[in-house]
Amino acid sequence: MTAPLTEITRRRAALVAQAAAQRKEICQWVQPWQMPVAFVDRGIELVRRVRAHPLAIFMGVLLLFRLGTGRWSVWAGRAWTGWQIYQSLQERPSRPRD
């Protein structure tokens, strides 16, 4: 009975080593694609947010066109700063209340 268990243990160790080698090889193949995939993920997230809040996006674009070209860059910078603050607040974990 111990011979089959020893064989199973040996086979398992070999498979674990093989899986580790395969994971390392896959990591080497995937490494160059991490940045492009992350960029696509951000684009998909942006599309989801736009689809979730279409009226807010429309009103923002309408406001930018209404302001004209002189003040557009100032208001675009303010809107971008506001968006970044909003994003940082959304990503922050909420604290439990006492």
PDB file of N, CA and C in Angstrom:
ATOM      1  N   MET A   1       0.818  -1.197   0.000  1.00  0.00           N
ATOM      2  CA  MET A   1       0.000   0.000   0.000  1.00  0.00           C
ATOM      3  C   MET A   1       0.861   1.259   0.000  1.00  0.00           C
ATOM      4  N   THR A   2       2.066   1.201   0.576  1.00  0.00           N
ATOM      5  CA  THR A   2       2.907   2.386   0.608  1.00  0.00           C
ATOM      6  C   THR A   2       3.572   2.658  -0.739  1.00  0.00           C
ATOM      7  N   ALA A   3       3.784   1.633  -1.536  1.00  0.00           N
ATOM      8  CA  ALA A   3       4.401   1.831  -2.850  1.00  0.00           C
ATOM      9  C   ALA A   3       3.515   2.702  -3.752  1.00  0.00           C
ATOM     10  N   PRO A   4       2.186   2.435  -3.836  1.00  0.00           N
ATOM     11  CA  PRO A   4       1.350   3.319  -4.644  1.00  0.00           C
ATOM     12  C   PRO A   4       1.316   4.755  -4.101  1.00  0.00           C
ATOM     13  N   LEU A   5       1.301   4.912  -2.769  1.00  0.00           N
ATOM     14  CA  LEU A   5       1.289   6.255  -2.186  1.00  0.00           C
ATOM     15  C   LEU A   5       2.599   6.990  -2.470  1.00  0.00           C
ATOM     16  N   THR A   6       3.700   6.268  -2.437  1.00  0.00           N
ATOM     17  CA  THR A   6       4.988   6.866  -2.744  1.00  0.00           C
ATOM     18  C   THR A   6       5.035   7.305  -4.202  1.00  0.00           C
ATOM     19  N   GLU A   7       4.510   6.468  -5.073  1.00  0.00           N
ATOM     20  CA  GLU A   7       4.464   6.810  -6.507  1.00  0.00           C
ATOM     21  C   GLU A   7       3.579   8.031  -6.739  1.00  0.00           C
ATOM     22  N   ILE A   8       2.439   8.102  -6.059  1.00  0.00           N
ATOM     23  CA  ILE A   8       1.528   9.246  -6.193  1.00  0.00           C
ATOM     24  C   ILE A   8       2.209  10.519  -5.688  1.00  0.00           C
ATOM     25  N   THR A   9       2.910  10.408  -4.570  1.00  0.00           N
ATOM     26  CA  THR A   9       3.610  11.568  -4.015  1.00  0.00           C
ATOM     27  C   THR A   9       4.703  12.055  -4.961  1.00  0.00           C
ATOM     28  N   ARG A  10       5.445  11.112  -5.539  1.00  0.00           N
ATOM     29  CA  ARG A  10       6.496  11.466  -6.485  1.00  0.00           C
ATOM     30  C   ARG A  10       5.900  12.125  -7.729  1.00  0.00           C
ATOM     31  N   ARG A  11       4.831  11.557  -8.219  1.00  0.00           N
ATOM     32  CA  ARG A  11       4.154  12.104  -9.414  1.00  0.00           C
ATOM     33  C   ARG A  11       3.603  13.498  -9.134  1.00  0.00           C
ATOM     34  N   ARG A  12       3.059  13.675  -7.950  1.00  0.00           N
ATOM     35  CA  ARG A  12       2.508  14.985  -7.570  1.00  0.00           C
ATOM     36  C   ARG A  12       3.617  16.036  -7.519  1.00  0.00           C
ATOM     37  N   ALA A  13       4.755  15.713  -6.947  1.00  0.00           N
ATOM     38  CA  ALA A  13       5.887  16.638  -6.871  1.00  0.00           C
ATOM     39  C   ALA A  13       6.362  17.022  -8.275  1.00  0.00           C
ATOM     40  N   ALA A  14       6.396  16.034  -9.171  1.00  0.00           N
ATOM     41  CA  ALA A  14       6.810  16.314 -10.551  1.00  0.00           C
ATOM     42  C   ALA A  14       5.817  17.244 -11.236  1.00  0.00           C
ATOM     43  N   LEU A  15       4.528  17.012 -11.006  1.00  0.00           N
ATOM     44  CA  LEU A  15       3.503  17.867 -11.625  1.00  0.00           C
ATOM     45  C   LEU A  15       3.545  19.291 -11.063  1.00  0.00           C
ATOM     46  N   VAL A  16       3.774  19.418  -9.778  1.00  0.00           N
ATOM     47  CA  VAL A  16       3.874  20.752  -9.167  1.00  0.00           C
ATOM     48  C   VAL A  16       5.066  21.502  -9.756  1.00  0.00           C
ATOM     49  N   ALA A  17       6.199  20.832  -9.916  1.00  0.00           N
ATOM     50  CA  ALA A  17       7.380  21.464 -10.511  1.00  0.00           C
ATOM     51  C   ALA A  17       7.113  21.857 -11.964  1.00  0.00           C
ATOM     52  N   GLN A  18       6.425  20.994 -12.695  1.00  0.00           N
ATOM     53  CA  GLN A  18       6.091  21.289 -14.087  1.00  0.00           C
ATOM     54  C   GLN A  18       5.157  22.491 -14.168  1.00  0.00           C
ATOM     55  N   ALA A  19       4.172  22.568 -13.287  1.00  0.00           N
ATOM     56  CA  ALA A  19       3.236  23.696 -13.274  1.00  0.00           C
ATOM     57  C   ALA A  19       3.959  25.003 -12.962  1.00  0.00           C
ATOM     58  N   ALA A  20       4.920  24.962 -12.039  1.00  0.00           N
ATOM     59  CA  ALA A  20       5.685  26.164 -11.703  1.00  0.00           C
ATOM     60  C   ALA A  20       6.489  26.643 -12.913  1.00  0.00           C
ATOM     61  N   ALA A  21       7.089  25.719 -13.629  1.00  0.00           N
ATOM     62  CA  ALA A  21       7.861  26.072 -14.822  1.00  0.00           C
ATOM     63  C   ALA A  21       6.949  26.660 -15.900  1.00  0.00           C
ATOM     64  N   GLN A  22       5.766  26.091 -16.065  1.00  0.00           N
ATOM     65  CA  GLN A  22       4.821  26.593 -17.057  1.00  0.00           C
ATOM     66  C   GLN A  22       4.318  27.989 -16.680  1.00  0.00           C
ATOM     67  N   ARG A  23       4.061  28.219 -15.384  1.00  0.00           N
ATOM     68  CA  ARG A  23       3.634  29.550 -14.941  1.00  0.00           C
ATOM     69  C   ARG A  23       4.717  30.583 -15.231  1.00  0.00           C
ATOM     70  N   LYS A  24       5.977  30.226 -14.991  1.00  0.00           N
ATOM     71  CA  LYS A  24       7.079  31.143 -15.254  1.00  0.00           C
ATOM     72  C   LYS A  24       7.162  31.475 -16.742  1.00  0.00           C
ATOM     73  N   GLU A  25       6.991  30.474 -17.579  1.00  0.00           N
ATOM     74  CA  GLU A  25       7.039  30.684 -19.018  1.00  0.00           C
ATOM     75  C   GLU A  25       5.877  31.556 -19.486  1.00  0.00           C
ATOM     76  N   ILE A  26       4.695  31.328 -18.941  1.00  0.00           N
ATOM     77  CA  ILE A  26       3.534  32.138 -19.318  1.00  0.00           C
ATOM     78  C   ILE A  26       3.743  33.590 -18.892  1.00  0.00           C
ATOM     79  N   CYS A  27       4.312  33.800 -17.718  1.00  0.00           N
ATOM     80  CA  CYS A  27       4.595  35.167 -17.255  1.00  0.00           C
ATOM     81  C   CYS A  27       5.532  35.890 -18.212  1.00  0.00           C
ATOM     82  N   GLN A  28       6.509  35.179 -18.730  1.00  0.00           N
ATOM     83  CA  GLN A  28       7.436  35.788 -19.679  1.00  0.00           C
ATOM     84  C   GLN A  28       6.732  36.149 -20.982  1.00  0.00           C
ATOM     85  N   TRP A  29       5.777  35.352 -21.409  1.00  0.00           N
ATOM     86  CA  TRP A  29       5.039  35.623 -22.639  1.00  0.00           C
ATOM     87  C   TRP A  29       4.055  36.774 -22.463  1.00  0.00           C
ATOM     88  N   VAL A  30       3.473  36.890 -21.279  1.00  0.00           N
ATOM     89  CA  VAL A  30       2.422  37.881 -21.037  1.00  0.00           C
ATOM     90  C   VAL A  30       3.000  39.248 -20.670  1.00  0.00           C
ATOM     91  N   GLN A  31       4.204  39.294 -20.168  1.00  0.00           N
ATOM     92  CA  GLN A  31       4.819  40.536 -19.690  1.00  0.00           C
ATOM     93  C   GLN A  31       4.675  41.708 -20.673  1.00  0.00           C
ATOM     94  N   PRO A  32       4.977  41.549 -21.962  1.00  0.00           N
ATOM     95  CA  PRO A  32       4.868  42.696 -22.880  1.00  0.00           C
ATOM     96  C   PRO A  32       3.432  43.192 -23.072  1.00  0.00           C
ATOM     97  N   TRP A  33       2.446  42.397 -22.748  1.00  0.00           N
ATOM     98  CA  TRP A  33       1.053  42.776 -22.991  1.00  0.00           C
ATOM     99  C   TRP A  33       0.392  43.440 -21.792  1.00  0.00           C
ATOM    100  N   GLN A  34       1.085  43.542 -20.662  1.00  0.00           N
ATOM    101  CA  GLN A  34       0.453  44.091 -19.468  1.00  0.00           C
ATOM    102  C   GLN A  34       0.042  45.552 -19.648  1.00  0.00           C
ATOM    103  N   MET A  35       0.900  46.391 -20.191  1.00  0.00           N
ATOM    104  CA  MET A  35       0.571  47.809 -20.367  1.00  0.00           C
ATOM    105  C   MET A  35      -0.568  48.008 -21.374  1.00  0.00           C
ATOM    106  N   PRO A  36      -0.527  47.391 -22.561  1.00  0.00           N
ATOM    107  CA  PRO A  36      -1.644  47.583 -23.492  1.00  0.00           C
ATOM    108  C   PRO A  36      -2.982  47.075 -22.934  1.00  0.00           C
ATOM    109  N   VAL A  37      -2.949  45.968 -22.225  1.00  0.00           N
ATOM    110  CA  VAL A  37      -4.193  45.429 -21.658  1.00  0.00           C
ATOM    111  C   VAL A  37      -4.713  46.359 -20.566  1.00  0.00           C
ATOM    112  N   ALA A  38      -3.828  46.923 -19.764  1.00  0.00           N
ATOM    113  CA  ALA A  38      -4.251  47.870 -18.730  1.00  0.00           C
ATOM    114  C   ALA A  38      -4.868  49.107 -19.368  1.00  0.00           C
ATOM    115  N   PHE A  39      -4.312  49.570 -20.486  1.00  0.00           N
ATOM    116  CA  PHE A  39      -4.867  50.724 -21.200  1.00  0.00           C
ATOM    117  C   PHE A  39      -6.267  50.416 -21.718  1.00  0.00           C
ATOM    118  N   VAL A  40      -6.446  49.242 -22.281  1.00  0.00           N
ATOM    119  CA  VAL A  40      -7.769  48.835 -22.771  1.00  0.00           C
ATOM    120  C   VAL A  40      -8.753  48.716 -21.615  1.00  0.00           C
ATOM    121  N   ASP A  41      -8.314  48.187 -20.482  1.00  0.00           N
ATOM    122  CA  ASP A  41      -9.181  48.089 -19.310  1.00  0.00           C
ATOM    123  C   ASP A  41      -9.653  49.463 -18.850  1.00  0.00           C
ATOM    124  N   ARG A  42      -8.752  50.445 -18.856  1.00  0.00           N
ATOM    125  CA  ARG A  42      -9.151  51.806 -18.471  1.00  0.00           C
ATOM    126  C   ARG A  42     -10.161  52.372 -19.465  1.00  0.00           C
ATOM    127  N   GLY A  43      -9.969  52.094 -20.745  1.00  0.00           N
ATOM    128  CA  GLY A  43     -10.927  52.555 -21.754  1.00  0.00           C
ATOM    129  C   GLY A  43     -12.295  51.933 -21.563  1.00  0.00           C
ATOM    130  N   ILE A  44     -12.321  50.649 -21.264  1.00  0.00           N
ATOM    131  CA  ILE A  44     -13.598  49.972 -21.015  1.00  0.00           C
ATOM    132  C   ILE A  44     -14.270  50.554 -19.784  1.00  0.00           C
ATOM    133  N   GLU A  45     -13.503  50.832 -18.740  1.00  0.00           N
ATOM    134  CA  GLU A  45     -14.065  51.431 -17.524  1.00  0.00           C
ATOM    135  C   GLU A  45     -14.630  52.822 -17.823  1.00  0.00           C
ATOM    136  N   LEU A  46     -13.945  53.594 -18.660  1.00  0.00           N
ATOM    137  CA  LEU A  46     -14.448  54.916 -19.036  1.00  0.00           C
ATOM    138  C   LEU A  46     -15.769  54.804 -19.786  1.00  0.00           C
ATOM    139  N   VAL A  47     -15.855  53.865 -20.705  1.00  0.00           N
ATOM    140  CA  VAL A  47     -17.099  53.664 -21.454  1.00  0.00           C
ATOM    141  C   VAL A  47     -18.228  53.266 -20.507  1.00  0.00           C
ATOM    142  N   ARG A  48     -17.947  52.423 -19.544  1.00  0.00           N
ATOM    143  CA  ARG A  48     -18.975  52.024 -18.575  1.00  0.00           C
ATOM    144  C   ARG A  48     -19.459  53.213 -17.762  1.00  0.00           C
ATOM    145  N   ARG A  49     -18.533  54.070 -17.354  1.00  0.00           N
ATOM    146  CA  ARG A  49     -18.932  55.245 -16.575  1.00  0.00           C
ATOM    147  C   ARG A  49     -19.756  56.212 -17.414  1.00  0.00           C
ATOM    148  N   VAL A  50     -19.368  56.388 -18.675  1.00  0.00           N
ATOM    149  CA  VAL A  50     -20.133  57.271 -19.558  1.00  0.00           C
ATOM    150  C   VAL A  50     -21.534  56.708 -19.770  1.00  0.00           C
ATOM    151  N   ARG A  51     -21.630  55.408 -19.941  1.00  0.00           N
ATOM    152  CA  ARG A  51     -22.947  54.791 -20.123  1.00  0.00           C
ATOM    153  C   ARG A  51     -23.796  54.892 -18.862  1.00  0.00           C
ATOM    154  N   ALA A  52     -23.135  54.898 -17.695  1.00  0.00           N
ATOM    155  CA  ALA A  52     -23.873  54.989 -16.434  1.00  0.00           C
ATOM    156  C   ALA A  52     -24.357  56.413 -16.174  1.00  0.00           C
ATOM    157  N   HIS A  53     -23.631  57.431 -16.675  1.00  0.00           N
ATOM    158  CA  HIS A  53     -23.982  58.828 -16.412  1.00  0.00           C
ATOM    159  C   HIS A  53     -23.994  59.645 -17.710  1.00  0.00           C
ATOM    160  N   PRO A  54     -24.833  59.306 -18.673  1.00  0.00           N
ATOM    161  CA  PRO A  54     -24.785  60.008 -19.961  1.00  0.00           C
ATOM    162  C   PRO A  54     -25.224  61.473 -19.856  1.00  0.00           C
ATOM    163  N   LEU A  55     -26.182  61.774 -19.001  1.00  0.00           N
ATOM    164  CA  LEU A  55     -26.658  63.150 -18.901  1.00  0.00           C
ATOM    165  C   LEU A  55     -25.571  64.058 -18.328  1.00  0.00           C
ATOM    166  N   ALA A  56     -24.841  63.587 -17.345  1.00  0.00           N
ATOM    167  CA  ALA A  56     -23.766  64.392 -16.761  1.00  0.00           C
ATOM    168  C   ALA A  56     -22.681  64.677 -17.796  1.00  0.00           C
ATOM    169  N   ILE A  57     -22.343  63.700 -18.596  1.00  0.00           N
ATOM    170  CA  ILE A  57     -21.330  63.890 -19.643  1.00  0.00           C
ATOM    171  C   ILE A  57     -21.835  64.891 -20.674  1.00  0.00           C
ATOM    172  N   PHE A  58     -23.081  64.744 -21.086  1.00  0.00           N
ATOM    173  CA  PHE A  58     -23.672  65.656 -22.063  1.00  0.00           C
ATOM    174  C   PHE A  58     -23.679  67.085 -21.529  1.00  0.00           C
ATOM    175  N   MET A  59     -24.067  67.266 -20.277  1.00  0.00           N
ATOM    176  CA  MET A  59     -24.113  68.602 -19.689  1.00  0.00           C
ATOM    177  C   MET A  59     -22.698  69.197 -19.598  1.00  0.00           C
ATOM    178  N   GLY A  60     -21.709  68.381 -19.277  1.00  0.00           N
ATOM    179  CA  GLY A  60     -20.343  68.871 -19.219  1.00  0.00           C
ATOM    180  C   GLY A  60     -19.843  69.328 -20.573  1.00  0.00           C
ATOM    181  N   VAL A  61     -20.109  68.553 -21.602  1.00  0.00           N
ATOM    182  CA  VAL A  61     -19.691  68.930 -22.955  1.00  0.00           C
ATOM    183  C   VAL A  61     -20.422  70.186 -23.391  1.00  0.00           C
ATOM    184  N   LEU A  62     -21.715  70.268 -23.120  1.00  0.00           N
ATOM    185  CA  LEU A  62     -22.503  71.446 -23.472  1.00  0.00           C
ATOM    186  C   LEU A  62     -21.957  72.685 -22.769  1.00  0.00           C
ATOM    187  N   LEU A  63     -21.596  72.550 -21.503  1.00  0.00           N
ATOM    188  CA  LEU A  63     -21.034  73.668 -20.756  1.00  0.00           C
ATOM    189  C   LEU A  63     -19.705  74.117 -21.347  1.00  0.00           C
ATOM    190  N   LEU A  64     -18.869  73.169 -21.744  1.00  0.00           N
ATOM    191  CA  LEU A  64     -17.585  73.536 -22.341  1.00  0.00           C
ATOM    192  C   LEU A  64     -17.769  74.288 -23.655  1.00  0.00           C
ATOM    193  N   PHE A  65     -18.722  73.869 -24.468  1.00  0.00           N
ATOM    194  CA  PHE A  65     -18.972  74.580 -25.723  1.00  0.00           C
ATOM    195  C   PHE A  65     -19.571  75.962 -25.476  1.00  0.00           C
ATOM    196  N   ARG A  66     -20.370  76.078 -24.468  1.00  0.00           N
ATOM    197  CA  ARG A  66     -21.008  77.356 -24.142  1.00  0.00           C
ATOM    198  C   ARG A  66     -19.990  78.376 -23.639  1.00  0.00           C
ATOM    199  N   LEU A  67     -18.950  77.907 -22.944  1.00  0.00           N
ATOM    200  CA  LEU A  67     -17.961  78.822 -22.386  1.00  0.00           C
ATOM    201  C   LEU A  67     -17.090  79.481 -23.453  1.00  0.00           C
ATOM    202  N   GLY A  68     -16.960  78.865 -24.593  1.00  0.00           N
ATOM    203  CA  GLY A  68     -16.132  79.435 -25.650  1.00  0.00           C
ATOM    204  C   GLY A  68     -14.692  78.968 -25.546  1.00  0.00           C
ATOM    205  N   THR A  69     -13.861  79.445 -26.481  1.00  0.00           N
ATOM    206  CA  THR A  69     -12.483  78.953 -26.544  1.00  0.00           C
ATOM    207  C   THR A  69     -11.576  79.616 -25.523  1.00  0.00           C
ATOM    208  N   GLY A  70     -11.866  80.818 -25.101  1.00  0.00           N
ATOM    209  CA  GLY A  70     -10.990  81.521 -24.171  1.00  0.00           C
ATOM    210  C   GLY A  70     -10.931  80.876 -22.805  1.00  0.00           C
ATOM    211  N   ARG A  71     -12.075  80.496 -22.283  1.00  0.00           N
ATOM    212  CA  ARG A  71     -12.126  79.932 -20.940  1.00  0.00           C
ATOM    213  C   ARG A  71     -12.192  78.411 -20.952  1.00  0.00           C
ATOM    214  N   TRP A  72     -12.198  77.809 -22.113  1.00  0.00           N
ATOM    215  CA  TRP A  72     -12.345  76.364 -22.211  1.00  0.00           C
ATOM    216  C   TRP A  72     -11.240  75.630 -21.475  1.00  0.00           C
ATOM    217  N   SER A  73     -10.009  76.059 -21.691  1.00  0.00           N
ATOM    218  CA  SER A  73      -8.892  75.334 -21.079  1.00  0.00           C
ATOM    219  C   SER A  73      -8.906  75.457 -19.560  1.00  0.00           C
ATOM    220  N   VAL A  74      -9.312  76.620 -19.048  1.00  0.00           N
ATOM    221  CA  VAL A  74      -9.382  76.795 -17.597  1.00  0.00           C
ATOM    222  C   VAL A  74     -10.433  75.864 -17.010  1.00  0.00           C
ATOM    223  N   TRP A  75     -11.606  75.852 -17.614  1.00  0.00           N
ATOM    224  CA  TRP A  75     -12.681  75.003 -17.090  1.00  0.00           C
ATOM    225  C   TRP A  75     -12.403  73.527 -17.317  1.00  0.00           C
ATOM    226  N   ALA A  76     -11.732  73.191 -18.406  1.00  0.00           N
ATOM    227  CA  ALA A  76     -11.369  71.786 -18.634  1.00  0.00           C
ATOM    228  C   ALA A  76     -10.401  71.314 -17.560  1.00  0.00           C
ATOM    229  N   GLY A  77      -9.445  72.161 -17.187  1.00  0.00           N
ATOM    230  CA  GLY A  77      -8.519  71.810 -16.118  1.00  0.00           C
ATOM    231  C   GLY A  77      -9.225  71.640 -14.785  1.00  0.00           C
ATOM    232  N   ARG A  78     -10.176  72.520 -14.505  1.00  0.00           N
ATOM    233  CA  ARG A  78     -10.942  72.404 -13.263  1.00  0.00           C
ATOM    234  C   ARG A  78     -11.791  71.136 -13.258  1.00  0.00           C
ATOM    235  N   ALA A  79     -12.397  70.840 -14.389  1.00  0.00           N
ATOM    236  CA  ALA A  79     -13.218  69.626 -14.479  1.00  0.00           C
ATOM    237  C   ALA A  79     -12.353  68.380 -14.306  1.00  0.00           C
ATOM    238  N   TRP A  80     -11.176  68.388 -14.912  1.00  0.00           N
ATOM    239  CA  TRP A  80     -10.268  67.246 -14.785  1.00  0.00           C
ATOM    240  C   TRP A  80      -9.833  67.055 -13.332  1.00  0.00           C
ATOM    241  N   THR A  81      -9.525  68.145 -12.658  1.00  0.00           N
ATOM    242  CA  THR A  81      -9.143  68.061 -11.247  1.00  0.00           C
ATOM    243  C   THR A  81     -10.300  67.526 -10.410  1.00  0.00           C
ATOM    244  N   GLY A  82     -11.495  68.014 -10.679  1.00  0.00           N
ATOM    245  CA  GLY A  82     -12.676  67.520  -9.965  1.00  0.00           C
ATOM    246  C   GLY A  82     -12.909  66.045 -10.212  1.00  0.00           C
ATOM    247  N   TRP A  83     -12.714  65.623 -11.442  1.00  0.00           N
ATOM    248  CA  TRP A  83     -12.900  64.207 -11.780  1.00  0.00           C
ATOM    249  C   TRP A  83     -11.883  63.337 -11.038  1.00  0.00           C
ATOM    250  N   GLN A  84     -10.649  63.797 -10.967  1.00  0.00           N
ATOM    251  CA  GLN A  84      -9.623  63.035 -10.259  1.00  0.00           C
ATOM    252  C   GLN A  84      -9.930  62.946  -8.767  1.00  0.00           C
ATOM    253  N   ILE A  85     -10.413  64.030  -8.188  1.00  0.00           N
ATOM    254  CA  ILE A  85     -10.792  63.999  -6.775  1.00  0.00           C
ATOM    255  C   ILE A  85     -11.931  63.024  -6.568  1.00  0.00           C
ATOM    256  N   TYR A  86     -12.925  63.073  -7.444  1.00  0.00           N
ATOM    257  CA  TYR A  86     -14.060  62.152  -7.351  1.00  0.00           C
ATOM    258  C   TYR A  86     -13.599  60.706  -7.451  1.00  0.00           C
ATOM    259  N   GLN A  87     -12.701  60.420  -8.385  1.00  0.00           N
ATOM    260  CA  GLN A  87     -12.194  59.055  -8.555  1.00  0.00           C
ATOM    261  C   GLN A  87     -11.434  58.588  -7.317  1.00  0.00           C
ATOM    262  N   SER A  88     -10.623  59.460  -6.747  1.00  0.00           N
ATOM    263  CA  SER A  88      -9.859  59.054  -5.570  1.00  0.00           C
ATOM    264  C   SER A  88     -10.786  58.789  -4.388  1.00  0.00           C
ATOM    265  N   LEU A  89     -11.870  59.536  -4.292  1.00  0.00           N
ATOM    266  CA  LEU A  89     -12.827  59.293  -3.214  1.00  0.00           C
ATOM    267  C   LEU A  89     -13.596  57.996  -3.435  1.00  0.00           C
ATOM    268  N   GLN A  90     -13.865  57.655  -4.677  1.00  0.00           N
ATOM    269  CA  GLN A  90     -14.588  56.423  -4.979  1.00  0.00           C
ATOM    270  C   GLN A  90     -13.734  55.193  -4.704  1.00  0.00           C
ATOM    271  N   GLU A  91     -12.443  55.285  -4.950  1.00  0.00           N
ATOM    272  CA  GLU A  91     -11.556  54.137  -4.787  1.00  0.00           C
ATOM    273  C   GLU A  91     -11.126  53.924  -3.340  1.00  0.00           C
ATOM    274  N   ARG A  92     -11.284  54.943  -2.514  1.00  0.00           N
ATOM    275  CA  ARG A  92     -10.865  54.848  -1.111  1.00  0.00           C
ATOM    276  C   ARG A  92     -11.807  53.943  -0.356  1.00  0.00           C
ATOM    277  N   PRO A  93     -11.280  52.992   0.425  1.00  0.00           N
ATOM    278  CA  PRO A  93     -12.176  52.110   1.193  1.00  0.00           C
ATOM    279  C   PRO A  93     -12.891  52.900   2.280  1.00  0.00           C
ATOM    280  N   SER A  94     -14.143  52.568   2.479  1.00  0.00           N
ATOM    281  CA  SER A  94     -14.920  53.279   3.489  1.00  0.00           C
ATOM    282  C   SER A  94     -14.570  52.754   4.875  1.00  0.00           C
ATOM    283  N   ARG A  95     -14.558  53.658   5.833  1.00  0.00           N
ATOM    284  CA  ARG A  95     -14.271  53.267   7.217  1.00  0.00           C
ATOM    285  C   ARG A  95     -15.568  52.856   7.893  1.00  0.00           C
ATOM    286  N   PRO A  96     -15.515  51.842   8.710  1.00  0.00           N
ATOM    287  CA  PRO A  96     -16.725  51.453   9.453  1.00  0.00           C
ATOM    288  C   PRO A  96     -17.038  52.507  10.508  1.00  0.00           C
ATOM    289  N   ARG A  97     -18.299  52.785  10.684  1.00  0.00           N
ATOM    290  CA  ARG A  97     -18.710  53.761  11.683  1.00  0.00           C
ATOM    291  C   ARG A  97     -18.795  53.106  13.047  1.00  0.00           C
ATOM    292  N   ASP A  98     -18.498  53.892  14.062  1.00  0.00           N
ATOM    293  CA  ASP A  98     -18.535  53.363  15.421  1.00  0.00           C
ATOM    294  C   ASP A  98     -19.945  53.277  15.950  1.00  0.00           C
TER     295      ASP A  98
END
